[in-house]
Amino acid sequence: MKKFFVLLIMALSFASCVEVDPNEDPIGTITIDLYEGQFLYFNSIYEYDPYVDHVHYMLIDGSNFLTYGMEMVNVGERTLRQVNSLPTYGWSSVLSIVPGNSYILRDWNSEGVYIRIYVVNVIENPDNPGQIIGATIKYQAPFNL
């Protein structure tokens, strides 16, 4: 009987040691192309009345992200799965779009509900190379720390 329990404990300890690939997207990740002037609304993750002063969105303006009702921070070259802590500084409502970088968005009055975003690439104007008109992003919302 002792051998059975020892084998069971060993089997359970090996099963719990499965490594998660940091490049694998978390469950619930959405990938979209977000173009200049197109709004990405996050109102559904907050429990507010749908009044205009409670709307939370992000849009692209040239090579910048702009937010309303939220602030964001660039956390550097990390995958979505690697974004698991909050920086104490660097929060802004306007940030440059940097391919390969991840961002965290939060409501100005957030109590632990966040959005994590990863920029896959920028989308350039085919008629004017170098002019950024959008970005392909992956995001997960809500994301709780």
Protein backbone atom coordinates (compact mmCIF):
# COMPACT_ATOMS: atom_id res chain seq x y z
CA MET A 1 0.00 0.00 0.00
CA LYS A 2 2.91 2.36 0.76
CA LYS A 3 4.33 1.80 -2.71
CA PHE A 4 0.98 2.75 -4.26
CA PHE A 5 0.90 6.08 -2.39
CA VAL A 6 4.54 6.82 -3.23
CA LEU A 7 3.86 6.15 -6.91
CA LEU A 8 0.70 8.25 -6.80
CA ILE A 9 2.53 11.20 -5.21
CA MET A 10 5.34 10.92 -7.76
CA ALA A 11 2.88 10.82 -10.65
CA LEU A 12 1.03 13.88 -9.33
CA SER A 13 4.25 15.83 -8.81
CA PHE A 14 5.40 15.11 -12.39
CA ALA A 15 1.99 16.07 -13.80
CA SER A 16 2.09 19.45 -12.04
CA CYS A 17 5.52 20.29 -13.50
CA VAL A 18 4.23 20.92 -17.03
CA GLU A 19 5.89 24.04 -18.40
CA VAL A 20 3.78 26.65 -20.16
CA ASP A 21 5.27 28.13 -23.32
CA PRO A 22 5.70 31.90 -22.70
CA ASN A 23 5.04 32.51 -26.41
CA GLU A 24 1.66 30.78 -26.27
CA ASP A 25 -1.27 33.21 -26.09
CA PRO A 26 -3.39 33.04 -22.93
CA ILE A 27 -6.94 31.73 -23.22
CA GLY A 28 -9.28 34.46 -24.43
CA THR A 29 -6.69 36.33 -26.52
CA ILE A 30 -8.15 38.23 -29.48
CA THR A 31 -6.09 39.27 -32.52
CA ILE A 32 -7.30 42.21 -34.64
CA ASP A 33 -6.12 44.81 -37.12
CA LEU A 34 -6.84 48.22 -35.58
CA TYR A 35 -6.77 51.07 -38.11
CA GLU A 36 -6.29 54.79 -37.56
CA GLY A 37 -9.44 56.37 -36.20
CA GLN A 38 -11.09 53.01 -35.42
CA PHE A 39 -12.15 52.74 -31.77
CA LEU A 40 -11.57 49.64 -29.69
CA TYR A 41 -14.12 49.81 -26.86
CA PHE A 42 -13.54 48.14 -23.52
CA ASN A 43 -16.76 49.23 -21.82
CA SER A 44 -18.00 45.66 -21.42
CA ILE A 45 -15.28 44.74 -18.91
CA TYR A 46 -16.34 47.43 -16.47
CA GLU A 47 -19.56 47.46 -14.50
CA TYR A 48 -20.61 51.00 -15.35
CA ASP A 49 -23.69 52.49 -16.89
CA PRO A 50 -23.06 53.02 -20.61
CA TYR A 51 -22.87 56.80 -20.39
CA VAL A 52 -20.35 58.72 -22.45
CA ASP A 53 -18.25 59.64 -19.39
CA HIS A 54 -17.80 55.95 -18.62
CA VAL A 55 -16.72 54.82 -22.07
CA HIS A 56 -13.23 53.38 -22.28
CA TYR A 57 -11.55 53.09 -25.64
CA MET A 58 -8.27 53.03 -27.46
CA LEU A 59 -7.53 54.24 -30.97
CA ILE A 60 -4.55 54.74 -33.22
CA ASP A 61 -3.51 58.21 -34.30
CA GLY A 62 -0.54 57.92 -36.63
CA SER A 63 2.16 56.04 -34.75
CA ASN A 64 0.54 56.49 -31.30
CA PHE A 65 -2.05 54.77 -29.18
CA LEU A 66 -4.54 57.20 -27.62
CA THR A 67 -6.85 56.20 -24.77
CA TYR A 68 -9.95 57.74 -23.25
CA GLY A 69 -11.05 56.83 -19.75
CA MET A 70 -7.91 54.76 -19.32
CA GLU A 71 -4.18 55.06 -19.13
CA MET A 72 -1.58 52.66 -20.43
CA VAL A 73 2.04 51.72 -19.97
CA ASN A 74 4.56 50.06 -22.29
CA VAL A 75 6.09 47.09 -20.44
CA GLY A 76 8.64 46.32 -23.14
CA GLU A 77 9.47 43.27 -25.21
CA ARG A 78 7.28 40.70 -23.49
CA THR A 79 4.65 38.26 -24.70
CA LEU A 80 1.13 38.53 -23.31
CA ARG A 81 1.79 35.60 -21.00
CA GLN A 82 4.89 37.33 -19.60
CA VAL A 83 2.89 40.44 -18.60
CA ASN A 84 2.11 39.65 -14.97
CA SER A 85 2.97 42.70 -12.88
CA LEU A 86 2.23 46.42 -12.87
CA PRO A 87 4.88 49.09 -13.22
CA THR A 88 4.68 52.02 -10.80
CA TYR A 89 5.51 54.71 -13.35
CA GLY A 90 5.23 55.42 -17.08
CA TRP A 91 1.41 55.50 -17.26
CA SER A 92 0.02 57.81 -19.95
CA SER A 93 -2.98 58.33 -22.22
CA VAL A 94 -0.69 58.62 -25.29
CA LEU A 95 2.08 56.12 -26.11
CA SER A 96 4.06 55.22 -29.22
CA ILE A 97 3.23 51.98 -31.02
CA VAL A 98 6.23 49.66 -30.82
CA PRO A 99 6.01 46.27 -32.59
CA GLY A 100 7.06 43.40 -30.32
CA ASN A 101 6.16 45.32 -27.15
CA SER A 102 3.35 44.71 -24.70
CA TYR A 103 1.17 47.24 -22.93
CA ILE A 104 -1.14 47.26 -19.94
CA LEU A 105 -4.29 49.41 -19.93
CA ARG A 106 -6.22 50.34 -16.82
CA ASP A 107 -9.21 52.43 -15.93
CA TRP A 108 -8.21 55.63 -14.12
CA ASN A 109 -10.15 54.32 -11.14
CA SER A 110 -9.20 50.68 -11.63
CA GLU A 111 -9.50 48.23 -8.81
CA GLY A 112 -7.60 45.34 -10.34
CA VAL A 113 -9.18 45.03 -13.79
CA TYR A 114 -6.70 45.48 -16.61
CA ILE A 115 -6.20 44.80 -20.32
CA ARG A 116 -2.97 43.47 -21.73
CA ILE A 117 -2.00 44.18 -25.34
CA TYR A 118 0.79 42.92 -27.57
CA VAL A 119 1.70 44.73 -30.82
CA VAL A 120 2.35 42.16 -33.54
CA ASN A 121 3.23 44.70 -36.25
CA VAL A 122 2.33 48.09 -37.67
CA ILE A 123 0.22 48.56 -40.78
CA GLU A 124 1.62 51.04 -43.28
CA ASN A 125 -0.22 53.02 -45.94
CA PRO A 126 0.38 51.18 -49.25
CA ASP A 127 0.32 54.51 -51.12
CA ASN A 128 2.77 56.17 -48.72
CA PRO A 129 5.28 53.66 -47.28
CA GLY A 130 6.44 54.62 -43.80
CA GLN A 131 3.12 56.20 -42.86
CA ILE A 132 1.56 54.13 -40.07
CA ILE A 133 -2.19 53.74 -40.43
CA GLY A 134 -2.77 50.93 -37.95
CA ALA A 135 -1.42 47.97 -36.05
CA THR A 136 -2.10 44.28 -35.66
CA ILE A 137 -2.57 43.67 -31.95
CA LYS A 138 -3.39 40.82 -29.62
CA TYR A 139 -5.27 41.63 -26.45
CA GLN A 140 -6.81 39.96 -23.47
CA ALA A 141 -9.60 41.66 -21.54
CA PRO A 142 -10.32 41.54 -18.73
CA PHE A 143 -7.02 40.58 -17.24
CA ASN A 144 -6.81 40.45 -13.44
CA LEU A 145 -3.57 40.81 -11.54
